[in-house]
Amino acid sequence: MKIAVKDAETGNRISMEVEEDNTIGEIIEEAANYWKKNPGAYVIRLGKKILRGGATVKEAMLQEGDIIELIPDPEGG
């Protein structure tokens, strides 16, 4: 399925093709690498919910066309 990842700091977006068994951590890593950021310092936010790295796309209930945000980890990274 196709989702978009938005860099909360710059507003830039990338489209990403993901499978149900991909993890949120994999999405963070790919997006962080694309923007040359440290993957360990970021988390994904969907609406008001922080998605943890160990969850799969299916567990996080991501849907086709969702826009998720890459944000600095509020707990520090």
C-alpha atoms as a PDB file:
ATOM      1  CA  MET A   1       0.000   0.000   0.000  1.00  0.00           C
ATOM      2  CA  LYS A   2       1.110   3.569  -0.542  1.00  0.00           C
ATOM      3  CA  ILE A   3       1.545   5.973   2.367  1.00  0.00           C
ATOM      4  CA  ALA A   4       3.222   9.356   2.683  1.00  0.00           C
ATOM      5  CA  VAL A   5       5.782  10.279   5.304  1.00  0.00           C
ATOM      6  CA  LYS A   6       6.004  13.953   6.221  1.00  0.00           C
ATOM      7  CA  ASP A   7       9.058  15.501   7.849  1.00  0.00           C
ATOM      8  CA  ALA A   8       7.482  17.509  10.682  1.00  0.00           C
ATOM      9  CA  GLU A   9      10.513  19.798  10.843  1.00  0.00           C
ATOM     10  CA  THR A  10      10.556  20.856   7.169  1.00  0.00           C
ATOM     11  CA  GLY A  11       7.140  19.878   5.811  1.00  0.00           C
ATOM     12  CA  ASN A  12       8.767  17.779   3.068  1.00  0.00           C
ATOM     13  CA  ARG A  13       7.020  14.560   2.069  1.00  0.00           C
ATOM     14  CA  ILE A  14       7.994  11.279   0.500  1.00  0.00           C
ATOM     15  CA  SER A  15       5.747   8.530  -0.794  1.00  0.00           C
ATOM     16  CA  MET A  16       6.480   5.043   0.382  1.00  0.00           C
ATOM     17  CA  GLU A  17       5.250   1.623  -0.660  1.00  0.00           C
ATOM     18  CA  VAL A  18       4.796  -0.578   2.437  1.00  0.00           C
ATOM     19  CA  GLU A  19       3.567  -4.075   3.204  1.00  0.00           C
ATOM     20  CA  GLU A  20       1.460  -5.132   6.210  1.00  0.00           C
ATOM     21  CA  ASP A  21       4.452  -6.858   7.803  1.00  0.00           C
ATOM     22  CA  ASN A  22       6.838  -3.884   7.499  1.00  0.00           C
ATOM     23  CA  THR A  23       7.602  -2.361  10.880  1.00  0.00           C
ATOM     24  CA  ILE A  24       7.258   1.258  11.881  1.00  0.00           C
ATOM     25  CA  GLY A  25      10.983   1.095  12.670  1.00  0.00           C
ATOM     26  CA  GLU A  26      11.722   0.224   9.034  1.00  0.00           C
ATOM     27  CA  ILE A  27       9.650   3.202   7.883  1.00  0.00           C
ATOM     28  CA  ILE A  28      11.483   5.495  10.325  1.00  0.00           C
ATOM     29  CA  GLU A  29      14.839   4.195   9.146  1.00  0.00           C
ATOM     30  CA  GLU A  30      14.041   4.605   5.455  1.00  0.00           C
ATOM     31  CA  ALA A  31      12.604   8.111   5.863  1.00  0.00           C
ATOM     32  CA  ALA A  32      15.407   9.231   8.201  1.00  0.00           C
ATOM     33  CA  ASN A  33      18.050   7.932   5.815  1.00  0.00           C
ATOM     34  CA  TYR A  34      16.345   9.695   2.904  1.00  0.00           C
ATOM     35  CA  TRP A  35      16.501  13.018   4.781  1.00  0.00           C
ATOM     36  CA  LYS A  36      19.956  12.219   6.248  1.00  0.00           C
ATOM     37  CA  LYS A  37      18.702  12.187   9.842  1.00  0.00           C
ATOM     38  CA  ASN A  38      19.537   9.899  12.757  1.00  0.00           C
ATOM     39  CA  PRO A  39      16.791   7.206  12.772  1.00  0.00           C
ATOM     40  CA  GLY A  40      17.231   6.641  16.525  1.00  0.00           C
ATOM     41  CA  ALA A  41      16.183  10.217  17.298  1.00  0.00           C
ATOM     42  CA  TYR A  42      12.784  10.048  15.570  1.00  0.00           C
ATOM     43  CA  VAL A  43       9.370   8.449  15.970  1.00  0.00           C
ATOM     44  CA  ILE A  44       6.300   8.297  13.751  1.00  0.00           C
ATOM     45  CA  ARG A  45       3.091  10.101  14.631  1.00  0.00           C
ATOM     46  CA  LEU A  46      -0.297   9.293  13.141  1.00  0.00           C
ATOM     47  CA  GLY A  47      -2.737  11.978  14.211  1.00  0.00           C
ATOM     48  CA  LYS A  48      -2.182  12.344  17.955  1.00  0.00           C
ATOM     49  CA  LYS A  49      -0.807   8.818  18.392  1.00  0.00           C
ATOM     50  CA  ILE A  50       2.904   7.946  18.528  1.00  0.00           C
ATOM     51  CA  LEU A  51       3.613   4.687  16.682  1.00  0.00           C
ATOM     52  CA  ARG A  52       6.348   2.581  18.247  1.00  0.00           C
ATOM     53  CA  GLY A  53       9.107   1.122  16.096  1.00  0.00           C
ATOM     54  CA  GLY A  54       8.325  -2.504  16.879  1.00  0.00           C
ATOM     55  CA  ALA A  55       4.745  -2.369  15.613  1.00  0.00           C
ATOM     56  CA  THR A  56       3.931  -3.572  12.119  1.00  0.00           C
ATOM     57  CA  VAL A  57       2.008  -1.559   9.554  1.00  0.00           C
ATOM     58  CA  LYS A  58      -0.953  -3.869  10.181  1.00  0.00           C
ATOM     59  CA  GLU A  59      -0.765  -3.482  13.997  1.00  0.00           C
ATOM     60  CA  ALA A  60      -0.535   0.293  13.635  1.00  0.00           C
ATOM     61  CA  MET A  61      -3.663   0.113  11.455  1.00  0.00           C
ATOM     62  CA  LEU A  62      -2.158   2.225   8.686  1.00  0.00           C
ATOM     63  CA  GLN A  63      -4.420   2.614   5.682  1.00  0.00           C
ATOM     64  CA  GLU A  64      -3.775   3.276   1.995  1.00  0.00           C
ATOM     65  CA  GLY A  65      -3.079   6.987   1.534  1.00  0.00           C
ATOM     66  CA  ASP A  66      -2.309   7.744   5.207  1.00  0.00           C
ATOM     67  CA  ILE A  67       0.073  10.611   5.887  1.00  0.00           C
ATOM     68  CA  ILE A  68       2.296   9.902   8.861  1.00  0.00           C
ATOM     69  CA  GLU A  69       4.764  12.332  10.394  1.00  0.00           C
ATOM     70  CA  LEU A  70       8.415  11.781  11.238  1.00  0.00           C
ATOM     71  CA  ILE A  71       8.937  13.783  14.437  1.00  0.00           C
ATOM     72  CA  PRO A  72      11.837  14.128  16.889  1.00  0.00           C
ATOM     73  CA  ASP A  73      11.365  11.605  19.685  1.00  0.00           C
ATOM     74  CA  PRO A  74       9.730  13.538  22.538  1.00  0.00           C
ATOM     75  CA  GLU A  75      11.474  11.215  25.008  1.00  0.00           C
ATOM     76  CA  GLY A  76      14.855  11.914  23.421  1.00  0.00           C
ATOM     77  CA  GLY A  77      16.737   9.662  21.051  1.00  0.00           C
END
